[in-house]
C-alpha atoms as a PDB file:
ATOM      1  CA  MET A   1      26.880   5.356  20.363  1.00  0.00           C
ATOM      2  CA  LYS A   2      25.935   3.569  23.607  1.00  0.00           C
ATOM      3  CA  ARG A   3      22.463   4.960  23.317  1.00  0.00           C
ATOM      4  CA  GLN A   4      22.015   3.590  19.812  1.00  0.00           C
ATOM      5  CA  ILE A   5      23.230   0.134  20.887  1.00  0.00           C
ATOM      6  CA  ALA A   6      20.853   0.149  23.866  1.00  0.00           C
ATOM      7  CA  LEU A   7      17.991   1.226  21.663  1.00  0.00           C
ATOM      8  CA  SER A   8      18.836  -1.480  19.129  1.00  0.00           C
ATOM      9  CA  LEU A   9      18.908  -4.136  21.885  1.00  0.00           C
ATOM     10  CA  LEU A  10      15.485  -2.977  23.054  1.00  0.00           C
ATOM     11  CA  LEU A  11      13.956  -2.993  19.610  1.00  0.00           C
ATOM     12  CA  LEU A  12      15.540  -6.257  18.491  1.00  0.00           C
ATOM     13  CA  PRO A  13      12.990  -8.502  20.333  1.00  0.00           C
ATOM     14  CA  LEU A  14      10.139  -6.440  18.790  1.00  0.00           C
ATOM     15  CA  LEU A  15      11.353  -7.141  15.267  1.00  0.00           C
ATOM     16  CA  ALA A  16      11.470 -10.869  15.949  1.00  0.00           C
ATOM     17  CA  CYS A  17       7.948 -11.158  17.315  1.00  0.00           C
ATOM     18  CA  GLY A  18       4.791 -10.928  15.259  1.00  0.00           C
ATOM     19  CA  ALA A  19       3.397  -7.944  17.160  1.00  0.00           C
ATOM     20  CA  GLY A  20       6.480  -5.850  16.489  1.00  0.00           C
ATOM     21  CA  ARG A  21       6.635  -6.720  12.860  1.00  0.00           C
ATOM     22  CA  SER A  22       2.940  -6.076  12.302  1.00  0.00           C
ATOM     23  CA  VAL A  23       3.269  -2.633  13.963  1.00  0.00           C
ATOM     24  CA  TYR A  24       6.212  -1.869  11.727  1.00  0.00           C
ATOM     25  CA  TYR A  25       4.223  -2.762   8.619  1.00  0.00           C
ATOM     26  CA  LEU A  26       1.173  -0.886   9.887  1.00  0.00           C
ATOM     27  CA  TRP A  27       3.309   2.279  10.205  1.00  0.00           C
ATOM     28  CA  ASP A  28       4.680   1.824   6.721  1.00  0.00           C
ATOM     29  CA  ALA A  29       1.216   1.218   5.308  1.00  0.00           C
ATOM     30  CA  GLN A  30      -0.084   4.340   7.029  1.00  0.00           C
ATOM     31  CA  ARG A  31       2.801   6.393   5.667  1.00  0.00           C
ATOM     32  CA  GLU A  32       2.306   5.061   2.128  1.00  0.00           C
ATOM     33  CA  PHE A  33      -1.477   5.688   2.366  1.00  0.00           C
ATOM     34  CA  ALA A  34      -0.820   9.266   3.532  1.00  0.00           C
ATOM     35  CA  ARG A  35       1.417   9.746   0.508  1.00  0.00           C
ATOM     36  CA  ALA A  36      -1.414   8.497  -1.763  1.00  0.00           C
ATOM     37  CA  GLU A  37      -3.801  10.922  -0.106  1.00  0.00           C
ATOM     38  CA  GLU A  38      -1.393  13.806  -0.595  1.00  0.00           C
ATOM     39  CA  SER A  39      -0.981  13.000  -4.265  1.00  0.00           C
ATOM     40  CA  GLY A  40      -4.751  13.290  -4.825  1.00  0.00           C
ATOM     41  CA  ALA A  41      -5.412   9.544  -5.305  1.00  0.00           C
ATOM     42  CA  ALA A  42      -8.831   9.822  -3.737  1.00  0.00           C
ATOM     43  CA  GLN A  43     -10.016  11.646  -6.891  1.00  0.00           C
ATOM     44  CA  LYS A  44      -7.640  10.340  -9.493  1.00  0.00           C
ATOM     45  CA  ALA A  45      -7.304   6.689  -8.615  1.00  0.00           C
ATOM     46  CA  VAL A  46     -10.493   5.921  -6.767  1.00  0.00           C
ATOM     47  CA  PHE A  47     -10.364   2.125  -7.006  1.00  0.00           C
ATOM     48  CA  GLU A  48      -6.748   1.807  -5.941  1.00  0.00           C
ATOM     49  CA  TYR A  49      -7.168   4.316  -3.160  1.00  0.00           C
ATOM     50  CA  THR A  50     -10.279   2.540  -1.854  1.00  0.00           C
ATOM     51  CA  MET A  51      -8.535  -0.769  -1.863  1.00  0.00           C
ATOM     52  CA  ALA A  52      -5.548   0.666  -0.009  1.00  0.00           C
ATOM     53  CA  ARG A  53      -7.866   2.271   2.593  1.00  0.00           C
ATOM     54  CA  GLN A  54      -9.873  -0.881   3.189  1.00  0.00           C
ATOM     55  CA  TYR A  55      -6.792  -3.142   3.490  1.00  0.00           C
ATOM     56  CA  LEU A  56      -5.361  -0.659   5.968  1.00  0.00           C
ATOM     57  CA  LEU A  57      -8.527  -0.615   8.066  1.00  0.00           C
ATOM     58  CA  LYS A  58      -8.697  -4.400   8.023  1.00  0.00           C
ATOM     59  CA  ALA A  59      -4.985  -4.663   8.976  1.00  0.00           C
ATOM     60  CA  ARG A  60      -5.702  -2.437  11.985  1.00  0.00           C
ATOM     61  CA  GLU A  61      -8.681  -4.545  12.940  1.00  0.00           C
ATOM     62  CA  GLU A  62      -6.696  -7.796  12.734  1.00  0.00           C
ATOM     63  CA  ALA A  63      -3.907  -6.278  14.831  1.00  0.00           C
ATOM     64  CA  GLY A  64      -6.535  -5.371  17.398  1.00  0.00           C
ATOM     65  CA  TYR A  65      -7.547  -9.053  17.524  1.00  0.00           C
ATOM     66  CA  SER A  66      -3.890 -10.042  18.004  1.00  0.00           C
ATOM     67  CA  ASP A  67      -3.807 -11.776  14.551  1.00  0.00           C
ATOM     68  CA  TYR A  68      -0.424 -10.248  13.767  1.00  0.00           C
ATOM     69  CA  GLN A  69       0.343 -12.371  10.701  1.00  0.00           C
ATOM     70  CA  ALA A  70      -2.920 -11.316   9.036  1.00  0.00           C
ATOM     71  CA  ALA A  71      -2.295  -7.750  10.063  1.00  0.00           C
ATOM     72  CA  GLU A  72       1.142  -7.812   8.448  1.00  0.00           C
ATOM     73  CA  ASP A  73      -0.178  -9.416   5.213  1.00  0.00           C
ATOM     74  CA  LEU A  74      -3.027  -6.896   4.958  1.00  0.00           C
ATOM     75  CA  ALA A  75      -0.689  -3.981   5.661  1.00  0.00           C
ATOM     76  CA  ARG A  76       1.587  -5.137   2.900  1.00  0.00           C
ATOM     77  CA  LYS A  77      -1.360  -5.273   0.457  1.00  0.00           C
ATOM     78  CA  SER A  78      -2.365  -1.830   1.545  1.00  0.00           C
ATOM     79  CA  MET A  79       1.136  -0.569   0.787  1.00  0.00           C
ATOM     80  CA  ASP A  80       0.953  -2.098  -2.647  1.00  0.00           C
ATOM     81  CA  TRP A  81      -2.426  -0.526  -3.437  1.00  0.00           C
ATOM     82  CA  SER A  82      -1.329   2.820  -1.963  1.00  0.00           C
ATOM     83  CA  SER A  83       1.784   2.790  -4.191  1.00  0.00           C
ATOM     84  CA  GLN A  84      -0.374   2.061  -7.252  1.00  0.00           C
ATOM     85  CA  ALA A  85      -2.776   4.856  -6.303  1.00  0.00           C
ATOM     86  CA  SER A  86       0.052   7.319  -5.859  1.00  0.00           C
ATOM     87  CA  ASP A  87       1.613   6.381  -9.201  1.00  0.00           C
ATOM     88  CA  ILE A  88      -1.695   6.784 -11.010  1.00  0.00           C
ATOM     89  CA  ALA A  89      -2.426  10.107  -9.308  1.00  0.00           C
ATOM     90  CA  GLU A  90       1.071  11.467  -9.983  1.00  0.00           C
ATOM     91  CA  PHE A  91       1.636  10.107 -13.480  1.00  0.00           C
ATOM     92  CA  GLY A  92      -1.925   9.920 -14.762  1.00  0.00           C
ATOM     93  CA  SER A  93      -1.913   6.424 -16.143  1.00  0.00           C
ATOM     94  CA  SER A  94      -2.534   2.946 -14.885  1.00  0.00           C
ATOM     95  CA  GLU A  95      -0.636  -0.244 -15.632  1.00  0.00           C
ATOM     96  CA  ARG A  96      -3.454  -1.155 -18.010  1.00  0.00           C
ATOM     97  CA  ASP A  97      -2.914   2.049 -19.991  1.00  0.00           C
ATOM     98  CA  LEU A  98       0.769   1.446 -20.144  1.00  0.00           C
ATOM     99  CA  LEU A  99       0.219  -2.100 -21.352  1.00  0.00           C
ATOM    100  CA  LEU A 100      -2.116  -0.898 -24.128  1.00  0.00           C
ATOM    101  CA  ASP A 101       0.327   1.696 -25.449  1.00  0.00           C
ATOM    102  CA  GLY A 102       1.869   0.573 -28.699  1.00  0.00           C
ATOM    103  CA  MET A 103      -0.784  -2.079 -29.344  1.00  0.00           C
ATOM    104  CA  ASP A 104      -3.097  -0.026 -31.535  1.00  0.00           C
ATOM    105  CA  GLU A 105      -3.395  -2.746 -34.170  1.00  0.00           C
ATOM    106  CA  LEU A 106      -4.012  -5.478 -31.630  1.00  0.00           C
ATOM    107  CA  VAL A 107      -6.486  -3.866 -29.274  1.00  0.00           C
ATOM    108  CA  PRO A 108      -9.962  -2.837 -30.456  1.00  0.00           C
ATOM    109  CA  ASN A 109     -10.908   0.787 -29.789  1.00  0.00           C
ATOM    110  CA  ASP A 110     -13.803  -0.114 -27.471  1.00  0.00           C
ATOM    111  CA  VAL A 111     -11.398  -2.076 -25.234  1.00  0.00           C
ATOM    112  CA  ARG A 112      -8.918   0.769 -25.230  1.00  0.00           C
ATOM    113  CA  SER A 113     -11.471   3.319 -24.254  1.00  0.00           C
ATOM    114  CA  GLY A 114     -12.913   1.153 -21.508  1.00  0.00           C
ATOM    115  CA  ASP A 115     -16.489   1.116 -22.956  1.00  0.00           C
END
């Protein structure tokens, strides 16, 4: 119990400062990106996977330049793209496909097929 309190007190200042928060979001973004990789998003959701990867790389770069707010924002975007990539890889459809379902009479076939 005392150890947990001591650890919490040590970590509390990190959560309040930009560097600590950006590191937290970078870890989360890396974990979410790894989940996307494991789900096969590199082959099944190429665009979303690439966006997630590029945002993660840029977030790391900005953290290296001590621009912690930018790093946090970019890491969050990477998490969003990674999540989308994972969903597409796992469930086989994108948000666009889901929106087009049930709209057969409203959406022309060439739009539906992506041609």
